Protein backbone atom coordinates (compact mmCIF):
# COMPACT_ATOMS: atom_id res chain seq x y z
CA UNK A 1 -59.00 22.58 37.30
CA UNK A 2 -61.66 21.24 39.68
CA UNK A 3 -60.90 19.05 42.68
CA UNK A 4 -64.38 19.48 44.26
CA UNK A 5 -62.89 20.46 47.63
CA UNK A 6 -65.11 23.54 47.91
CA UNK A 7 -67.83 23.30 45.26
CA UNK A 8 -68.61 22.11 41.73
CA UNK A 9 -66.32 24.79 40.17
CA UNK A 10 -68.93 25.95 37.67
CA UNK A 11 -69.85 22.43 36.51
CA UNK A 12 -73.65 22.24 36.17
CA UNK A 13 -76.10 19.40 36.73
CA UNK A 14 -78.25 18.64 33.67
CA UNK A 15 -81.88 19.54 34.37
CA UNK A 16 -83.22 16.97 31.90
CA UNK A 17 -81.51 13.87 33.29
CA UNK A 18 -82.88 11.36 35.82
CA UNK A 19 -80.74 12.09 38.90
CA UNK A 20 -77.67 14.10 39.96
CA UNK A 21 -73.98 13.68 40.64
CA UNK A 22 -73.42 14.21 44.39
CA UNK A 23 -70.52 15.90 46.13
CA UNK A 24 -69.18 13.31 48.60
CA UNK A 25 -66.30 12.50 50.91
CA UNK A 26 -64.82 9.10 51.62
CA UNK A 27 -65.81 9.48 55.26
CA UNK A 28 -69.53 9.56 54.31
CA UNK A 29 -69.49 6.32 52.34
CA UNK A 30 -69.90 2.70 53.25
CA UNK A 31 -67.09 0.27 52.49
CA UNK A 32 -67.35 -1.14 48.99
CA UNK A 33 -69.87 1.40 47.69
CA UNK A 34 -67.58 4.33 46.90
CA UNK A 35 -63.91 5.32 47.14
CA UNK A 36 -62.65 5.48 50.72
CA UNK A 37 -60.66 8.61 49.83
CA UNK A 38 -60.73 11.25 47.14
CA UNK A 39 -57.95 11.37 44.56
CA UNK A 40 -56.69 14.89 45.34
CA UNK A 41 -55.89 14.63 49.04
CA UNK A 42 -56.10 10.85 49.33
CA UNK A 43 -57.87 11.44 52.65
CA UNK A 44 -61.35 10.35 53.79
CA UNK A 45 -62.21 14.04 54.24
CA UNK A 46 -61.42 14.85 50.58
CA UNK A 47 -64.23 15.53 48.11
CA UNK A 48 -65.25 14.05 44.76
CA UNK A 49 -68.47 13.69 42.78
CA UNK A 50 -70.28 10.38 42.82
CA UNK A 51 -73.30 8.48 41.56
CA UNK A 52 -74.42 5.12 42.82
CA UNK A 53 -76.94 2.64 41.66
CA UNK A 54 -79.68 2.29 44.24
CA UNK A 55 -83.27 1.30 44.62
CA UNK A 56 -84.14 4.93 43.78
CA UNK A 57 -82.68 4.67 40.28
CA UNK A 58 -83.70 2.16 37.66
CA UNK A 59 -80.98 0.55 35.53
CA UNK A 60 -80.25 2.79 32.58
CA UNK A 61 -81.23 6.05 34.24
CA UNK A 62 -78.72 8.86 33.67
CA UNK A 63 -76.96 11.58 35.66
CA UNK A 64 -75.20 14.28 33.61
CA UNK A 65 -72.91 17.12 34.61
CA UNK A 66 -71.42 19.69 32.19
CA UNK A 67 -68.36 21.90 32.26
CA UNK A 68 -68.57 25.65 31.79
CA UNK A 69 -68.59 26.69 28.13
CA UNK A 70 -65.04 26.72 26.77
CA UNK A 71 -64.30 29.18 24.01
CA UNK A 72 -62.11 28.28 21.06
CA UNK A 73 -61.23 31.99 20.94
CA UNK A 74 -59.39 31.47 24.24
CA UNK A 75 -55.67 31.02 23.54
CA UNK A 76 -55.58 28.10 26.03
CA UNK A 77 -57.78 26.08 23.66
CA UNK A 78 -55.66 26.74 20.55
CA UNK A 79 -52.76 24.34 20.85
CA UNK A 80 -51.32 21.96 18.26
CA UNK A 81 -53.81 22.58 15.49
CA UNK A 82 -56.76 23.32 17.78
CA UNK A 83 -56.39 20.31 20.09
CA UNK A 84 -56.72 20.50 23.85
CA UNK A 85 -57.03 17.83 26.53
CA UNK A 86 -59.17 17.06 29.52
CA UNK A 87 -57.45 15.00 32.22
CA UNK A 88 -59.46 13.40 35.01
CA UNK A 89 -59.57 10.57 37.52
CA UNK A 90 -62.41 8.08 37.75
CA UNK A 91 -63.37 5.22 40.06
CA UNK A 92 -65.86 2.61 38.79
CA UNK A 93 -66.41 -0.35 41.02
CA UNK A 94 -69.14 -2.93 41.57
CA UNK A 95 -70.50 -6.22 40.26
CA UNK A 96 -73.37 -4.70 38.29
CA UNK A 97 -72.05 -1.23 37.57
CA UNK A 98 -73.44 0.83 34.73
CA UNK A 99 -71.50 3.08 32.36
CA UNK A 100 -69.51 6.30 32.21
CA UNK A 101 -69.75 8.21 28.95
CA UNK A 102 -67.84 11.42 28.24
CA UNK A 103 -69.05 13.76 25.50
CA UNK A 104 -67.76 16.90 23.86
CA UNK A 105 -70.88 19.00 23.24
CA UNK A 106 -70.82 22.00 20.89
CA UNK A 107 -72.96 25.11 21.21
CA UNK A 108 -75.13 23.66 18.40
CA UNK A 109 -75.89 20.71 20.75
CA UNK A 110 -73.87 18.18 18.73
CA UNK A 111 -72.45 15.55 21.11
CA UNK A 112 -69.34 13.59 20.19
CA UNK A 113 -68.56 10.56 22.39
CA UNK A 114 -64.99 10.74 23.69
CA UNK A 115 -65.13 7.74 26.06
CA UNK A 116 -67.58 4.95 26.85
CA UNK A 117 -66.71 2.65 29.78
CA UNK A 118 -69.01 -0.09 31.06
CA UNK A 119 -68.50 -2.47 33.94
CA UNK A 120 -66.16 -2.52 36.92
CA UNK A 121 -62.77 -0.92 36.28
CA UNK A 122 -61.27 -1.86 39.66
CA UNK A 123 -61.49 -0.56 43.21
CA UNK A 124 -58.99 2.28 42.70
CA UNK A 125 -58.64 5.67 41.01
CA UNK A 126 -57.59 5.58 37.34
CA UNK A 127 -56.44 8.51 35.20
CA UNK A 128 -57.70 9.26 31.72
CA UNK A 129 -56.87 12.01 29.24
CA UNK A 130 -59.04 12.75 26.23
CA UNK A 131 -58.40 14.93 23.18
CA UNK A 132 -60.83 17.81 22.65
CA UNK A 133 -60.86 18.65 18.94
CA UNK A 134 -62.78 20.98 16.64
CA UNK A 135 -63.20 24.68 16.04
CA UNK A 136 -66.49 25.35 17.87
CA UNK A 137 -66.99 26.47 21.45
CA UNK A 138 -67.85 23.45 23.58
CA UNK A 139 -68.60 21.83 26.92
CA UNK A 140 -67.47 18.48 28.28
CA UNK A 141 -70.30 16.34 29.64
CA UNK A 142 -69.87 13.40 32.02
CA UNK A 143 -72.81 10.99 31.93
CA UNK A 144 -73.16 8.23 34.52
CA UNK A 145 -75.65 5.48 33.79
CA UNK A 146 -77.08 3.48 36.68
CA UNK A 147 -76.38 -0.25 36.76
CA UNK A 148 -78.34 -3.07 38.37
CA UNK A 149 -76.58 -3.31 41.74
CA UNK A 150 -77.27 -1.25 44.88
CA UNK A 151 -73.57 -1.28 45.83
CA UNK A 152 -72.13 0.01 42.57
CA UNK A 153 -70.80 3.50 42.01
CA UNK A 154 -68.95 5.86 39.71
CA UNK A 155 -66.79 8.69 41.07
CA UNK A 156 -64.91 11.56 39.38
CA UNK A 157 -62.17 13.81 40.73
CA UNK A 158 -59.50 16.27 39.59
CA UNK A 159 -61.01 17.39 36.27
CA UNK A 160 -58.38 19.49 34.47
CA UNK A 161 -58.35 21.18 31.08
CA UNK A 162 -54.79 21.26 29.75
CA UNK A 163 -52.74 22.88 26.99
CA UNK A 164 -50.68 19.80 26.19
CA UNK A 165 -49.85 18.55 22.69
């Protein structure tokens, strides 16, 4: 489980992308650009990770962050025929927002798209759970793609790997 209150919890920025996910608090954002609070504490002092479209990023540029490697030999990843879940909260808001794509990436670098959201999803936190299937060790990758507006942003919080069926 990662709520970003202290650090990135072993999640790593991709070195080959265009820009990075930033650790933020609601108290450091301007109204309308990012969530006013995190999801965990629902306080302006709470932390989450965030990307925003700006004049520094061109539309279509990508920010990627990857989970630690998860082993299928770990008993926590062997539930209901090899299925596991990732649960997370996201906030995507703005008139010209880009996209959020979630991948399951194997150690052989194969990337399977689990979720592809484009456009504003509302000015509030939404929960999503995704099935993680297969027999290979893997990572989960969150990719944010910059949109066209300087006041658009994508935030993530409370990323949890679960043993639910």
